[in-house]
């Protein structure tokens, strides 16, 4: 496989417009030499930007009042050898394998999102009769022996993930159902825990749901004439880890440099505090404290990101969506104060799944368990929350060419996310640009110890017995 070229320059540094190695330059070269190009972008706003640039040459494909799907339209355009086609990330992830891609230079503007998911399958009373799950799914050959061992235990585990393999369709109704298609997309690999597999196979009739996790596989990236990706700080993204997981070669043609400027980062002083969705729903006063702190620091308009159903209000707030690609409104450009209040931490099951799959290439899990776990946690924090925050922050004044060292205040509620945000900005070596604020966390149980896993309990018991023997021999 040819190397995937990566332009990882910071937001606003010219990944699109650079006349020498920006996306426009690559497209112009391809048009000149009749090289077909499939351009994949992160939003409809970005599609419109490219349409303005290449209006008479660009085949723009998006969801509209059209009975034909975007995937079908894309494949039709490729079969007609259209020179420049533009689709969204979502359409790209649905593309089936086709030899047509061998003719196309694939350009991806911004990293792909939603390359992993957790799917909840609700079981109705008649589903166990109607859906013969055991006729359609089994555990992959490599994992079957381990799954069988787990299923024989008195307590069936719910934190180990094994690949779920589809056996193909049959005459019964599941093969044509939306649910079946939801967990058999060939562009994704599906995983399940022994606990959920036991429910799926009908051995726990009182349980009315089970969960399946999925991860994008490497099928989407095979056989293209070439692949180029433009995404700031690409090594902080989930897609970067996916390429490493599948050992896909990458070449960084430009690297990320932290943003310089008069930047101050404000985050919670308690290093144990994590802003989870559970805390958000159960401790509404925390966000109110955060907003009151921001209002004590600045009276300017504040560019802010919060959960969609959040009711707490911040004065002078200009709200952002969680997909900011291509959004460059003037009211955003004028902002020098930015508040990141969204709770975006993964659930325990999702974190465990991603560490066992997407992040399994990180570290030495046998010799340096704690170091590996720390590296995985940092990577997870980046692509699950911090990278999105960085993209949102860079809608502000700091992105603009007329930025003249005005003070930029970045407010981040979650501590671990705030620490990770510092990787994107040059805050100096003396620490003076890091401002810690206090929150009343007396009702959040943040100091409650996380229960030890079974392996950790066994290890601790072993070390205790070993130390007792040593003491006894003295």
Protein backbone atom coordinates (compact mmCIF):
# COMPACT_ATOMS: atom_id res chain seq x y z
CA UNK A 1 0.00 0.00 0.00
CA UNK A 2 1.22 3.50 -0.86
CA UNK A 3 1.88 5.92 1.99
CA UNK A 4 -1.01 8.12 3.04
CA UNK A 5 0.22 11.70 2.95
CA UNK A 6 -0.76 13.90 5.89
CA UNK A 7 -0.86 17.70 6.08
CA UNK A 8 -1.10 18.31 9.85
CA UNK A 9 -0.61 22.07 9.93
CA UNK A 10 -2.54 24.06 12.52
CA UNK A 11 -6.02 25.45 11.86
CA UNK A 12 -5.83 28.50 9.60
CA UNK A 13 -2.29 27.74 8.35
CA UNK A 14 -3.23 27.10 4.70
CA UNK A 15 -3.94 23.38 4.41
CA UNK A 16 -6.59 24.27 1.82
CA UNK A 17 -5.29 27.41 0.15
CA UNK A 18 -1.48 27.02 0.17
CA UNK A 19 -0.50 27.54 -3.50
CA UNK A 20 2.27 24.94 -3.28
CA UNK A 21 0.94 22.00 -1.24
CA UNK A 22 -2.61 22.92 -0.19
CA UNK A 23 -5.73 21.03 -1.28
CA UNK A 24 -6.52 23.62 -3.98
CA UNK A 25 -3.06 23.14 -5.45
CA UNK A 26 -3.49 19.36 -5.47
CA UNK A 27 -6.92 19.60 -7.12
CA UNK A 28 -5.63 22.07 -9.72
CA UNK A 29 -2.78 19.72 -10.57
CA UNK A 30 -5.17 16.78 -10.87
CA UNK A 31 -7.51 18.74 -13.16
CA UNK A 32 -4.63 19.83 -15.37
CA UNK A 33 -3.39 16.27 -15.81
CA UNK A 34 -6.84 14.67 -15.97
CA UNK A 35 -6.46 12.76 -12.70
CA UNK A 36 -9.93 12.01 -11.23
CA UNK A 37 -10.36 13.21 -7.64
CA UNK A 38 -12.79 12.24 -4.89
CA UNK A 39 -12.91 15.04 -2.32
CA UNK A 40 -14.35 14.08 1.09
CA UNK A 41 -15.23 16.94 3.46
CA UNK A 42 -16.53 17.28 7.00
CA UNK A 43 -19.67 19.38 6.50
CA UNK A 44 -22.12 20.89 4.03
CA UNK A 45 -20.50 24.28 4.75
CA UNK A 46 -17.18 22.97 3.45
CA UNK A 47 -18.91 21.52 0.40
CA UNK A 48 -20.26 24.97 -0.43
CA UNK A 49 -16.82 26.52 -0.08
CA UNK A 50 -15.39 24.08 -2.60
CA UNK A 51 -18.38 24.59 -4.87
CA UNK A 52 -17.72 28.33 -4.97
CA UNK A 53 -14.11 27.63 -5.97
CA UNK A 54 -14.80 24.91 -8.58
CA UNK A 55 -18.40 25.65 -9.54
CA UNK A 56 -18.20 24.54 -13.17
CA UNK A 57 -15.94 21.56 -12.54
CA UNK A 58 -17.21 20.07 -9.29
CA UNK A 59 -19.81 17.30 -9.03
CA UNK A 60 -21.39 18.12 -5.67
CA UNK A 61 -23.19 15.21 -3.99
CA UNK A 62 -25.22 15.70 -0.82
CA UNK A 63 -28.53 14.67 0.71
CA UNK A 64 -31.37 16.51 -0.99
CA UNK A 65 -34.82 15.89 -2.40
CA UNK A 66 -33.54 13.05 -4.51
CA UNK A 67 -34.77 9.49 -4.48
CA UNK A 68 -31.29 8.23 -5.31
CA UNK A 69 -28.92 7.82 -2.36
CA UNK A 70 -25.71 9.83 -2.10
CA UNK A 71 -23.72 6.58 -2.28
CA UNK A 72 -25.39 5.54 -5.53
CA UNK A 73 -24.89 9.00 -7.02
CA UNK A 74 -21.22 8.95 -6.03
CA UNK A 75 -20.63 5.54 -7.62
CA UNK A 76 -22.48 6.64 -10.77
CA UNK A 77 -20.27 9.73 -11.02
CA UNK A 78 -17.15 7.62 -10.54
CA UNK A 79 -18.28 5.14 -13.19
CA UNK A 80 -18.72 8.09 -15.55
CA UNK A 81 -15.15 9.12 -14.69
CA UNK A 82 -16.15 12.55 -13.39
CA UNK A 83 -12.98 14.53 -12.83
CA UNK A 84 -13.86 16.14 -9.47
CA UNK A 85 -16.47 14.75 -7.08
CA UNK A 86 -17.22 16.08 -3.60
CA UNK A 87 -19.02 14.07 -0.90
CA UNK A 88 -19.34 14.27 2.89
CA UNK A 89 -17.57 12.12 5.47
CA UNK A 90 -20.85 10.34 6.19
CA UNK A 91 -21.32 9.34 2.55
CA UNK A 92 -17.71 8.19 2.32
CA UNK A 93 -18.09 5.82 5.28
CA UNK A 94 -20.98 4.13 3.46
CA UNK A 95 -19.14 3.51 0.18
CA UNK A 96 -18.91 -0.16 -0.81
CA UNK A 97 -15.70 -1.52 -2.26
CA UNK A 98 -15.44 -0.83 -5.98
CA UNK A 99 -12.60 -1.13 -8.48
CA UNK A 100 -13.57 2.37 -9.62
CA UNK A 101 -11.55 3.78 -6.72
CA UNK A 102 -8.31 2.61 -8.36
CA UNK A 103 -8.67 5.57 -10.74
CA UNK A 104 -9.21 8.19 -8.05
CA UNK A 105 -7.00 10.36 -5.90
CA UNK A 106 -8.75 10.43 -2.52
CA UNK A 107 -8.52 13.74 -0.63
CA UNK A 108 -10.00 13.92 2.87
CA UNK A 109 -10.43 17.42 4.29
CA UNK A 110 -10.55 17.18 8.11
CA UNK A 111 -10.35 13.92 9.99
CA UNK A 112 -13.21 11.41 9.88
CA UNK A 113 -15.48 11.42 12.92
CA UNK A 114 -17.72 8.65 14.26
CA UNK A 115 -15.39 5.81 13.30
CA UNK A 116 -16.56 3.87 16.36
CA UNK A 117 -19.94 3.41 18.02
CA UNK A 118 -22.00 1.52 20.57
CA UNK A 119 -25.26 0.06 19.24
CA UNK A 120 -28.09 -0.80 21.61
CA UNK A 121 -30.36 -3.60 20.40
CA UNK A 122 -33.81 -3.61 22.00
CA UNK A 123 -35.47 -7.03 22.24
CA UNK A 124 -39.22 -7.24 21.86
CA UNK A 125 -41.18 -10.21 23.19
CA UNK A 126 -41.41 -11.91 19.82
CA UNK A 127 -37.87 -11.11 18.66
CA UNK A 128 -36.34 -14.27 20.07
CA UNK A 129 -38.66 -16.28 17.86
CA UNK A 130 -38.56 -13.97 14.85
CA UNK A 131 -34.80 -13.27 14.95
CA UNK A 132 -32.73 -16.43 15.09
CA UNK A 133 -29.53 -14.69 16.20
CA UNK A 134 -27.53 -17.92 16.45
CA UNK A 135 -28.22 -18.61 12.77
CA UNK A 136 -26.72 -15.28 11.74
CA UNK A 137 -23.86 -14.49 14.13
CA UNK A 138 -21.00 -16.20 15.84
CA UNK A 139 -17.72 -15.26 17.50
CA UNK A 140 -14.73 -15.09 15.17
CA UNK A 141 -12.50 -18.17 14.97
CA UNK A 142 -9.59 -16.56 16.84
CA UNK A 143 -11.81 -15.53 19.75
CA UNK A 144 -14.25 -18.44 19.98
CA UNK A 145 -12.20 -20.46 22.44
CA UNK A 146 -11.83 -17.47 24.79
CA UNK A 147 -15.54 -16.66 24.55
CA UNK A 148 -16.47 -20.27 25.39
CA UNK A 149 -14.27 -20.12 28.50
CA UNK A 150 -15.87 -16.83 29.61
CA UNK A 151 -19.40 -18.20 29.13
CA UNK A 152 -18.66 -21.11 31.47
CA UNK A 153 -17.80 -18.82 34.39
CA UNK A 154 -20.30 -18.19 37.16
CA UNK A 155 -20.03 -14.43 36.59
CA UNK A 156 -19.95 -13.65 32.88
CA UNK A 157 -17.69 -10.68 32.17
CA UNK A 158 -18.83 -7.48 30.52
CA UNK A 159 -15.49 -5.78 29.89
CA UNK A 160 -13.76 -8.02 27.33
CA UNK A 161 -14.61 -7.59 23.68
CA UNK A 162 -14.62 -10.31 21.02
CA UNK A 163 -15.20 -9.96 17.30
CA UNK A 164 -18.74 -10.77 16.19
CA UNK A 165 -18.91 -12.44 12.78
CA UNK A 166 -21.93 -12.43 10.46
CA UNK A 167 -22.84 -15.80 8.94
CA UNK A 168 -24.76 -14.19 6.12
CA UNK A 169 -28.46 -13.80 5.38
CA UNK A 170 -31.17 -16.43 5.19
CA UNK A 171 -34.91 -16.64 4.57
CA UNK A 172 -36.02 -15.41 7.96
CA UNK A 173 -36.91 -11.78 8.56
CA UNK A 174 -33.73 -10.63 10.27
CA UNK A 175 -31.74 -10.69 7.03
CA UNK A 176 -33.86 -7.89 5.57
CA UNK A 177 -34.31 -5.86 8.74
CA UNK A 178 -32.83 -2.44 9.47
CA UNK A 179 -31.38 -3.89 12.67
CA UNK A 180 -29.47 -6.59 10.81
CA UNK A 181 -27.99 -4.03 8.42
CA UNK A 182 -27.04 -1.87 11.41
CA UNK A 183 -24.66 -4.52 12.77
CA UNK A 184 -23.38 -5.99 9.48
CA UNK A 185 -21.95 -2.99 7.61
CA UNK A 186 -18.86 -4.40 5.80
CA UNK A 187 -16.96 -1.15 6.45
CA UNK A 188 -17.08 -1.81 10.20
CA UNK A 189 -15.96 -4.63 12.47
CA UNK A 190 -18.33 -5.54 15.30
CA UNK A 191 -17.46 -6.64 18.83
CA UNK A 192 -19.44 -7.95 21.78
CA UNK A 193 -18.77 -8.89 25.40
CA UNK A 194 -19.59 -12.37 26.76
CA UNK A 195 -22.34 -10.82 28.90
CA UNK A 196 -24.06 -9.26 25.88
CA UNK A 197 -23.43 -12.28 23.67
CA UNK A 198 -25.20 -14.45 26.24
CA UNK A 199 -28.24 -12.19 26.02
CA UNK A 200 -28.09 -12.08 22.23
CA UNK A 201 -28.12 -15.88 21.99
CA UNK A 202 -31.25 -16.07 24.16
CA UNK A 203 -29.67 -17.39 27.37
CA UNK A 204 -30.88 -14.46 29.46
CA UNK A 205 -34.56 -14.15 28.58
CA UNK A 206 -35.23 -11.51 31.25
CA UNK A 207 -32.84 -9.02 29.65
CA UNK A 208 -34.52 -6.86 27.03
CA UNK A 209 -31.46 -5.39 25.37
CA UNK A 210 -27.85 -6.07 24.47
CA UNK A 211 -24.99 -3.90 23.19
CA UNK A 212 -22.67 -4.26 20.22
CA UNK A 213 -19.62 -2.05 19.64
CA UNK A 214 -18.15 -1.32 16.23
CA UNK A 215 -14.96 0.09 14.72
CA UNK A 216 -14.25 1.23 11.17
CA UNK A 217 -12.00 -1.25 9.38
CA UNK A 218 -9.35 -0.64 6.71
CA UNK A 219 -11.59 -1.66 3.80
CA UNK A 220 -12.46 1.99 3.02
CA UNK A 221 -8.81 2.89 2.41
CA UNK A 222 -7.84 0.05 0.08
CA UNK A 223 -6.98 0.36 -3.64
CA UNK A 224 -7.24 4.15 -4.11
CA UNK A 225 -4.76 5.60 -6.59
CA UNK A 226 -3.47 7.75 -3.72
CA UNK A 227 -4.71 9.18 -0.42
CA UNK A 228 -4.11 12.64 1.03
CA UNK A 229 -5.50 13.92 4.36
CA UNK A 230 -5.48 17.51 5.58
CA UNK A 231 -6.22 17.67 9.31
CA UNK A 232 -4.54 19.79 11.97
CA UNK A 233 -2.69 17.85 14.68
CA UNK A 234 -3.60 14.61 12.93
CA UNK A 235 -1.64 12.50 15.43
CA UNK A 236 -4.24 13.46 18.06
CA UNK A 237 -7.16 12.02 16.06
CA UNK A 238 -8.90 8.65 16.20
CA UNK A 239 -8.19 8.14 12.49
CA UNK A 240 -4.46 8.36 13.15
CA UNK A 241 -4.74 5.58 15.71
CA UNK A 242 -6.86 3.55 13.28
CA UNK A 243 -4.09 3.73 10.66
CA UNK A 244 -1.55 2.63 13.28
CA UNK A 245 -3.84 -0.16 14.43
CA UNK A 246 -4.01 -1.53 10.87
CA UNK A 247 -0.33 -0.73 10.23
CA UNK A 248 -1.14 1.57 7.33
CA UNK A 249 1.89 3.65 6.26
CA UNK A 250 1.71 7.43 6.75
CA UNK A 251 3.96 10.28 5.66
CA UNK A 252 3.60 13.65 7.40
CA UNK A 253 4.47 16.19 4.70
CA UNK A 254 3.93 19.02 7.21
CA UNK A 255 3.80 18.83 10.99
CA UNK A 256 1.68 20.58 13.57
CA UNK A 257 3.11 23.54 15.46
CA UNK A 258 1.31 24.83 18.58
CA UNK A 259 -0.37 28.22 18.18
CA UNK A 260 1.52 31.20 19.54
CA UNK A 261 -0.07 34.30 20.99
CA UNK A 262 -1.22 36.01 24.14
CA UNK A 263 -3.15 32.96 25.35
CA UNK A 264 -4.34 32.12 28.85
CA UNK A 265 -5.83 28.73 29.66
CA UNK A 266 -8.30 28.54 32.56
CA UNK A 267 -9.19 25.11 33.94
CA UNK A 268 -10.38 23.48 37.17
CA UNK A 269 -7.72 23.30 39.87
CA UNK A 270 -8.71 19.79 41.05
CA UNK A 271 -6.73 17.26 39.01
CA UNK A 272 -9.23 14.51 39.88
CA UNK A 273 -12.23 16.36 38.51
CA UNK A 274 -13.70 14.96 35.29
CA UNK A 275 -16.70 16.59 33.68
CA UNK A 276 -18.85 13.57 32.83
CA UNK A 277 -22.40 13.62 31.56
CA UNK A 278 -23.51 12.00 34.83
CA UNK A 279 -22.03 14.89 36.83
CA UNK A 280 -23.59 17.37 34.43
CA UNK A 281 -27.07 15.92 34.94
CA UNK A 282 -26.77 15.35 38.69
CA UNK A 283 -24.78 18.45 39.72
CA UNK A 284 -26.22 21.40 37.81
CA UNK A 285 -24.53 23.87 40.15
CA UNK A 286 -21.06 22.97 38.78
CA UNK A 287 -21.72 24.43 35.36
CA UNK A 288 -23.31 27.45 36.98
CA UNK A 289 -20.12 27.95 39.03
CA UNK A 290 -18.06 27.67 35.84
CA UNK A 291 -20.18 30.27 34.06
CA UNK A 292 -20.06 32.68 37.00
CA UNK A 293 -16.26 32.38 37.04
CA UNK A 294 -16.10 33.21 33.32
CA UNK A 295 -18.34 36.23 33.85
CA UNK A 296 -16.02 37.43 36.64
CA UNK A 297 -13.07 37.37 34.23
CA UNK A 298 -14.60 38.89 31.11
CA UNK A 299 -17.60 40.93 29.98
CA UNK A 300 -16.99 40.24 26.28
CA UNK A 301 -18.98 37.95 24.03
CA UNK A 302 -17.95 34.37 24.75
CA UNK A 303 -17.75 31.72 22.05
CA UNK A 304 -19.08 28.63 23.80
CA UNK A 305 -19.62 24.93 23.31
CA UNK A 306 -22.05 23.04 25.51
CA UNK A 307 -24.16 19.89 25.39
CA UNK A 308 -27.21 20.25 23.16
CA UNK A 309 -29.78 19.83 25.95
CA UNK A 310 -27.95 21.99 28.48
CA UNK A 311 -30.22 24.56 30.17
CA UNK A 312 -27.65 26.56 32.16
CA UNK A 313 -26.96 29.92 30.60
CA UNK A 314 -23.80 31.95 30.12
CA UNK A 315 -24.18 35.69 29.68
CA UNK A 316 -23.06 37.09 26.30
CA UNK A 317 -22.74 33.56 24.90
CA UNK A 318 -22.37 32.87 21.19
CA UNK A 319 -23.10 29.18 20.87
CA UNK A 320 -21.23 26.79 18.60
CA UNK A 321 -22.33 23.42 17.28
CA UNK A 322 -20.19 20.30 17.73
CA UNK A 323 -19.38 20.21 14.01
CA UNK A 324 -17.58 23.48 13.28
CA UNK A 325 -15.82 22.48 10.05
CA UNK A 326 -16.21 25.26 7.51
CA UNK A 327 -17.88 27.67 9.96
CA UNK A 328 -16.15 31.04 9.81
CA UNK A 329 -18.75 33.66 10.75
CA UNK A 330 -17.54 37.18 11.54
CA UNK A 331 -19.19 37.13 14.99
CA UNK A 332 -16.92 34.18 15.82
CA UNK A 333 -13.82 35.91 14.44
CA UNK A 334 -14.29 38.84 16.81
CA UNK A 335 -14.36 36.66 19.95
CA UNK A 336 -11.32 36.51 22.19
CA UNK A 337 -12.97 34.51 24.99
CA UNK A 338 -13.91 30.87 24.49
CA UNK A 339 -15.70 28.50 26.91
CA UNK A 340 -15.62 24.72 26.49
CA UNK A 341 -18.37 23.34 28.73
CA UNK A 342 -19.51 20.17 26.93
CA UNK A 343 -19.28 16.88 28.82
CA UNK A 344 -17.70 14.55 26.27
CA UNK A 345 -16.07 11.80 28.29
CA UNK A 346 -16.61 8.23 27.04
CA UNK A 347 -18.63 5.73 29.03
CA UNK A 348 -16.67 3.03 30.86
CA UNK A 349 -17.71 0.42 28.29
CA UNK A 350 -16.70 2.62 25.36
CA UNK A 351 -13.35 3.49 26.95
CA UNK A 352 -12.65 -0.18 27.59
CA UNK A 353 -13.62 -1.11 24.03
CA UNK A 354 -11.41 1.54 22.45
CA UNK A 355 -8.42 0.60 24.60
CA UNK A 356 -8.76 -3.06 23.62
CA UNK A 357 -9.13 -2.32 19.90
CA UNK A 358 -8.27 1.09 18.48
CA UNK A 359 -5.59 1.87 21.08
CA UNK A 360 -4.20 -1.63 21.54
CA UNK A 361 -1.08 -0.69 19.56
CA UNK A 362 -0.03 1.76 22.29
CA UNK A 363 2.61 0.81 24.83
CA UNK A 364 3.76 -2.45 26.38
CA UNK A 365 0.76 -3.91 28.15
CA UNK A 366 2.74 -6.65 29.92
CA UNK A 367 5.84 -4.88 31.20
CA UNK A 368 4.61 -1.32 31.72
CA UNK A 369 0.91 -1.60 32.48
CA UNK A 370 0.49 1.74 34.27
CA UNK A 371 2.48 3.66 31.65
CA UNK A 372 0.48 2.05 28.85
CA UNK A 373 -2.80 2.81 30.60
CA UNK A 374 -1.76 6.45 31.03
CA UNK A 375 -0.78 6.77 27.35
CA UNK A 376 -4.09 5.27 26.28
CA UNK A 377 -6.03 7.61 28.57
CA UNK A 378 -4.25 10.64 27.12
CA UNK A 379 -4.92 9.50 23.55
CA UNK A 380 -8.57 8.84 24.40
CA UNK A 381 -8.98 12.28 25.98
CA UNK A 382 -7.56 13.90 22.85
CA UNK A 383 -9.71 12.33 20.19
CA UNK A 384 -12.87 11.99 22.29
CA UNK A 385 -13.03 15.59 23.49
CA UNK A 386 -9.92 17.77 23.26
CA UNK A 387 -9.52 17.68 19.48
CA UNK A 388 -13.12 18.81 19.01
CA UNK A 389 -12.53 21.58 21.56
CA UNK A 390 -9.44 22.68 19.67
CA UNK A 391 -11.42 22.91 16.42
CA UNK A 392 -14.11 24.94 18.18
CA UNK A 393 -11.60 27.27 19.83
CA UNK A 394 -10.03 27.99 16.46
CA UNK A 395 -13.16 29.70 15.18
CA UNK A 396 -12.08 32.71 17.31
CA UNK A 397 -9.84 35.74 16.76
CA UNK A 398 -6.69 33.66 17.13
CA UNK A 399 -7.34 32.06 13.73
CA UNK A 400 -7.56 35.35 11.86
CA UNK A 401 -4.77 37.00 9.88
CA UNK A 402 -5.42 40.31 11.64
CA UNK A 403 -4.80 38.78 15.07
CA UNK A 404 -2.46 41.23 16.79
CA UNK A 405 -1.58 39.50 20.06
CA UNK A 406 -4.89 40.35 21.72
CA UNK A 407 -5.51 38.41 24.94
CA UNK A 408 -7.22 35.09 24.27
CA UNK A 409 -8.95 33.45 27.25
CA UNK A 410 -9.72 29.74 26.89
CA UNK A 411 -11.97 28.32 29.61
CA UNK A 412 -12.12 24.52 29.94
CA UNK A 413 -14.20 22.96 32.71
CA UNK A 414 -12.83 19.39 32.65
CA UNK A 415 -9.35 19.14 34.17
CA UNK A 416 -7.87 16.32 32.05
CA UNK A 417 -9.23 17.94 28.89
CA UNK A 418 -7.79 21.27 29.96
CA UNK A 419 -4.36 19.69 30.48
CA UNK A 420 -4.56 18.12 27.01
CA UNK A 421 -5.63 21.43 25.39
CA UNK A 422 -2.20 22.80 26.28
CA UNK A 423 -0.69 20.53 23.58
CA UNK A 424 -2.28 22.75 20.90
CA UNK A 425 -1.09 26.13 22.19
CA UNK A 426 2.30 27.57 23.13
CA UNK A 427 1.66 28.69 26.70
CA UNK A 428 5.28 29.35 27.60
CA UNK A 429 7.58 27.47 29.95
CA UNK A 430 6.95 29.35 33.17
CA UNK A 431 3.37 28.18 33.63
CA UNK A 432 2.04 31.71 34.04
CA UNK A 433 -0.44 31.23 31.20
CA UNK A 434 -2.16 28.37 33.05
CA UNK A 435 -4.80 29.73 35.41
CA UNK A 436 -6.49 27.34 37.82
CA UNK A 437 -9.90 28.17 39.27
CA UNK A 438 -11.65 26.49 42.19
CA UNK A 439 -15.02 24.77 42.19
CA UNK A 440 -17.10 23.56 45.11
CA UNK A 441 -17.05 19.81 44.41
CA UNK A 442 -18.23 18.61 47.81
CA UNK A 443 -21.18 16.71 46.36
CA UNK A 444 -19.53 15.10 43.34
CA UNK A 445 -17.71 12.14 44.98
CA UNK A 446 -14.64 12.78 42.84
CA UNK A 447 -12.40 11.27 45.50
CA UNK A 448 -14.33 8.01 45.51
CA UNK A 449 -11.89 5.24 44.68
CA UNK A 450 -12.42 3.31 41.47
CA UNK A 451 -13.05 -0.40 42.30
CA UNK A 452 -10.11 -2.64 41.48
CA UNK A 453 -10.49 -5.06 38.59
CA UNK A 454 -10.26 -8.78 39.31
CA UNK A 455 -6.73 -8.95 37.89
CA UNK A 456 -5.65 -5.96 39.99
CA UNK A 457 -7.15 -7.59 43.10
CA UNK A 458 -5.26 -10.83 42.35
CA UNK A 459 -2.03 -8.94 41.75
CA UNK A 460 -2.39 -6.99 44.99
CA UNK A 461 -3.13 -10.22 46.93
CA UNK A 462 -0.09 -11.90 45.35
CA UNK A 463 2.22 -9.03 46.31
CA UNK A 464 0.81 -9.03 49.83
CA UNK A 465 1.48 -12.77 50.22
CA UNK A 466 4.97 -12.33 48.79
CA UNK A 467 5.74 -9.50 51.22
CA UNK A 468 4.46 -11.63 54.13
CA UNK A 469 6.88 -14.40 53.20
CA UNK A 470 9.76 -11.94 53.01
CA UNK A 471 8.85 -10.54 56.43
CA UNK A 472 8.58 -14.06 57.83
CA UNK A 473 12.06 -14.97 56.64
CA UNK A 474 13.68 -11.96 58.28
